[in-house]
Amino acid sequence: SLSAAFLTQTVCLDDTTVKFEIWDTAGQERYHSLAPMYYRGAQAAIVVYDITNTDTFVRAKNWVKELQRQASPNIVIALAGNKADLATKRAVDFQ
């Protein structure tokens, strides 16, 4: 069965309530066709890649392009590298 890890969290910031819906597909390609379901109506997205794996960075860039094409026109997109504790094994440059 297809399932992604899902977490929801509601946070109050000043006078605004923000609802985070976090989908973790672990970068698996089989979720790609379902992606619009995950980001439909999203106002922001964080695309995460593994700093020790250049393939994940390439896939992350493709996700950013897809979000720019398909998601809400005003969506805010952040790109984040994880596994910073493995900096000695970094495979993706800072640029």
C-alpha atoms as a PDB file:
ATOM      1  CA  SER A   1       0.000   0.000   0.000  1.00  0.00           C
ATOM      2  CA  LEU A   2       1.071   3.568  -0.617  1.00  0.00           C
ATOM      3  CA  SER A   3       1.381   5.662   2.480  1.00  0.00           C
ATOM      4  CA  ALA A   4       3.565   8.529   3.530  1.00  0.00           C
ATOM      5  CA  ALA A   5       4.318   9.606   7.068  1.00  0.00           C
ATOM      6  CA  PHE A   6       1.966  12.446   7.963  1.00  0.00           C
ATOM      7  CA  LEU A   7       2.063  14.884  10.862  1.00  0.00           C
ATOM      8  CA  THR A   8      -0.183  17.826  11.560  1.00  0.00           C
ATOM      9  CA  GLN A   9       0.610  20.607  14.006  1.00  0.00           C
ATOM     10  CA  THR A  10      -1.269  23.822  14.721  1.00  0.00           C
ATOM     11  CA  VAL A  11       0.737  26.752  16.088  1.00  0.00           C
ATOM     12  CA  CYS A  12      -0.374  30.229  17.158  1.00  0.00           C
ATOM     13  CA  LEU A  13       2.011  32.988  16.083  1.00  0.00           C
ATOM     14  CA  ASP A  14       0.978  36.436  17.301  1.00  0.00           C
ATOM     15  CA  ASP A  15      -2.655  36.729  16.147  1.00  0.00           C
ATOM     16  CA  THR A  16      -2.354  34.103  13.427  1.00  0.00           C
ATOM     17  CA  THR A  17      -3.013  30.382  13.604  1.00  0.00           C
ATOM     18  CA  VAL A  18      -0.777  28.335  11.326  1.00  0.00           C
ATOM     19  CA  LYS A  19      -1.585  24.724  10.508  1.00  0.00           C
ATOM     20  CA  PHE A  20       1.384  22.646   9.418  1.00  0.00           C
ATOM     21  CA  GLU A  21       0.621  19.516   7.409  1.00  0.00           C
ATOM     22  CA  ILE A  22       3.877  17.644   7.023  1.00  0.00           C
ATOM     23  CA  TRP A  23       4.109  14.836   4.505  1.00  0.00           C
ATOM     24  CA  ASP A  24       7.244  12.709   4.515  1.00  0.00           C
ATOM     25  CA  THR A  25       7.518  10.577   1.400  1.00  0.00           C
ATOM     26  CA  ALA A  26      11.186   9.763   2.082  1.00  0.00           C
ATOM     27  CA  GLY A  27      11.898  10.830  -1.503  1.00  0.00           C
ATOM     28  CA  GLN A  28      10.346   7.690  -2.929  1.00  0.00           C
ATOM     29  CA  GLU A  29       9.467   8.026  -6.618  1.00  0.00           C
ATOM     30  CA  ARG A  30       6.265   6.033  -6.206  1.00  0.00           C
ATOM     31  CA  TYR A  31       4.734   9.067  -4.470  1.00  0.00           C
ATOM     32  CA  HIS A  32       5.480  11.450  -7.328  1.00  0.00           C
ATOM     33  CA  SER A  33       2.145  10.957  -9.103  1.00  0.00           C
ATOM     34  CA  LEU A  34       0.334  11.625  -5.815  1.00  0.00           C
ATOM     35  CA  ALA A  35       2.284  14.815  -5.124  1.00  0.00           C
ATOM     36  CA  PRO A  36      -0.451  17.293  -6.161  1.00  0.00           C
ATOM     37  CA  MET A  37      -2.625  15.818  -3.404  1.00  0.00           C
ATOM     38  CA  TYR A  38       0.070  16.736  -0.884  1.00  0.00           C
ATOM     39  CA  TYR A  39       0.674  20.325  -1.956  1.00  0.00           C
ATOM     40  CA  ARG A  40      -2.752  21.403  -3.220  1.00  0.00           C
ATOM     41  CA  GLY A  41      -3.658  24.650  -1.478  1.00  0.00           C
ATOM     42  CA  ALA A  42      -0.320  24.856   0.321  1.00  0.00           C
ATOM     43  CA  GLN A  43       0.971  28.333   1.102  1.00  0.00           C
ATOM     44  CA  ALA A  44       4.490  27.108   1.811  1.00  0.00           C
ATOM     45  CA  ALA A  45       6.664  24.066   1.203  1.00  0.00           C
ATOM     46  CA  ILE A  46       9.978  22.879   2.588  1.00  0.00           C
ATOM     47  CA  VAL A  47      11.840  20.533   0.266  1.00  0.00           C
ATOM     48  CA  VAL A  48      14.506  18.551   2.108  1.00  0.00           C
ATOM     49  CA  TYR A  49      17.569  16.817   0.680  1.00  0.00           C
ATOM     50  CA  ASP A  50      20.422  14.792   2.183  1.00  0.00           C
ATOM     51  CA  ILE A  51      23.702  16.773   2.098  1.00  0.00           C
ATOM     52  CA  THR A  52      25.630  13.494   1.749  1.00  0.00           C
ATOM     53  CA  ASN A  53      23.748  12.388  -1.380  1.00  0.00           C
ATOM     54  CA  THR A  54      23.824  14.430  -4.601  1.00  0.00           C
ATOM     55  CA  ASP A  55      20.961  12.411  -6.113  1.00  0.00           C
ATOM     56  CA  THR A  56      18.630  13.677  -3.398  1.00  0.00           C
ATOM     57  CA  PHE A  57      19.671  17.257  -4.221  1.00  0.00           C
ATOM     58  CA  VAL A  58      18.854  16.741  -7.910  1.00  0.00           C
ATOM     59  CA  ARG A  59      15.454  15.304  -6.956  1.00  0.00           C
ATOM     60  CA  ALA A  60      14.869  18.199  -4.550  1.00  0.00           C
ATOM     61  CA  LYS A  61      15.549  20.717  -7.329  1.00  0.00           C
ATOM     62  CA  ASN A  62      13.008  18.876  -9.496  1.00  0.00           C
ATOM     63  CA  TRP A  63      10.437  19.094  -6.690  1.00  0.00           C
ATOM     64  CA  VAL A  64      11.055  22.842  -6.419  1.00  0.00           C
ATOM     65  CA  LYS A  65      10.517  23.228 -10.183  1.00  0.00           C
ATOM     66  CA  GLU A  66       7.312  21.207  -9.986  1.00  0.00           C
ATOM     67  CA  LEU A  67       6.018  23.298  -7.102  1.00  0.00           C
ATOM     68  CA  GLN A  68       6.807  26.473  -9.052  1.00  0.00           C
ATOM     69  CA  ARG A  69       4.850  25.113 -12.039  1.00  0.00           C
ATOM     70  CA  GLN A  70       1.925  23.375 -10.352  1.00  0.00           C
ATOM     71  CA  ALA A  71       1.327  24.743  -6.851  1.00  0.00           C
ATOM     72  CA  SER A  72      -0.323  27.989  -5.780  1.00  0.00           C
ATOM     73  CA  PRO A  73       1.278  30.954  -7.570  1.00  0.00           C
ATOM     74  CA  ASN A  74       2.242  32.645  -4.286  1.00  0.00           C
ATOM     75  CA  ILE A  75       3.671  29.558  -2.588  1.00  0.00           C
ATOM     76  CA  VAL A  76       6.811  30.128  -0.523  1.00  0.00           C
ATOM     77  CA  ILE A  77       9.384  27.380  -1.107  1.00  0.00           C
ATOM     78  CA  ALA A  78      12.347  26.642   1.135  1.00  0.00           C
ATOM     79  CA  LEU A  79      15.121  24.191   0.314  1.00  0.00           C
ATOM     80  CA  ALA A  80      16.767  22.549   3.335  1.00  0.00           C
ATOM     81  CA  GLY A  81      19.696  20.167   3.607  1.00  0.00           C
ATOM     82  CA  ASN A  82      19.547  17.631   6.414  1.00  0.00           C
ATOM     83  CA  LYS A  83      22.137  15.336   8.032  1.00  0.00           C
ATOM     84  CA  ALA A  84      24.326  18.333   8.886  1.00  0.00           C
ATOM     85  CA  ASP A  85      25.891  16.170  11.590  1.00  0.00           C
ATOM     86  CA  LEU A  86      27.549  14.252   8.736  1.00  0.00           C
ATOM     87  CA  ALA A  87      29.258  17.367   7.332  1.00  0.00           C
ATOM     88  CA  THR A  88      32.522  15.465   6.793  1.00  0.00           C
ATOM     89  CA  LYS A  89      30.619  13.315   4.273  1.00  0.00           C
ATOM     90  CA  ARG A  90      29.041  16.313   2.516  1.00  0.00           C
ATOM     91  CA  ALA A  91      28.520  15.620  -1.190  1.00  0.00           C
ATOM     92  CA  VAL A  92      26.501  18.750  -2.050  1.00  0.00           C
ATOM     93  CA  ASP A  93      28.372  22.082  -2.133  1.00  0.00           C
ATOM     94  CA  PHE A  94      27.013  25.142  -0.317  1.00  0.00           C
ATOM     95  CA  GLN A  95      26.251  26.916  -3.638  1.00  0.00           C
END
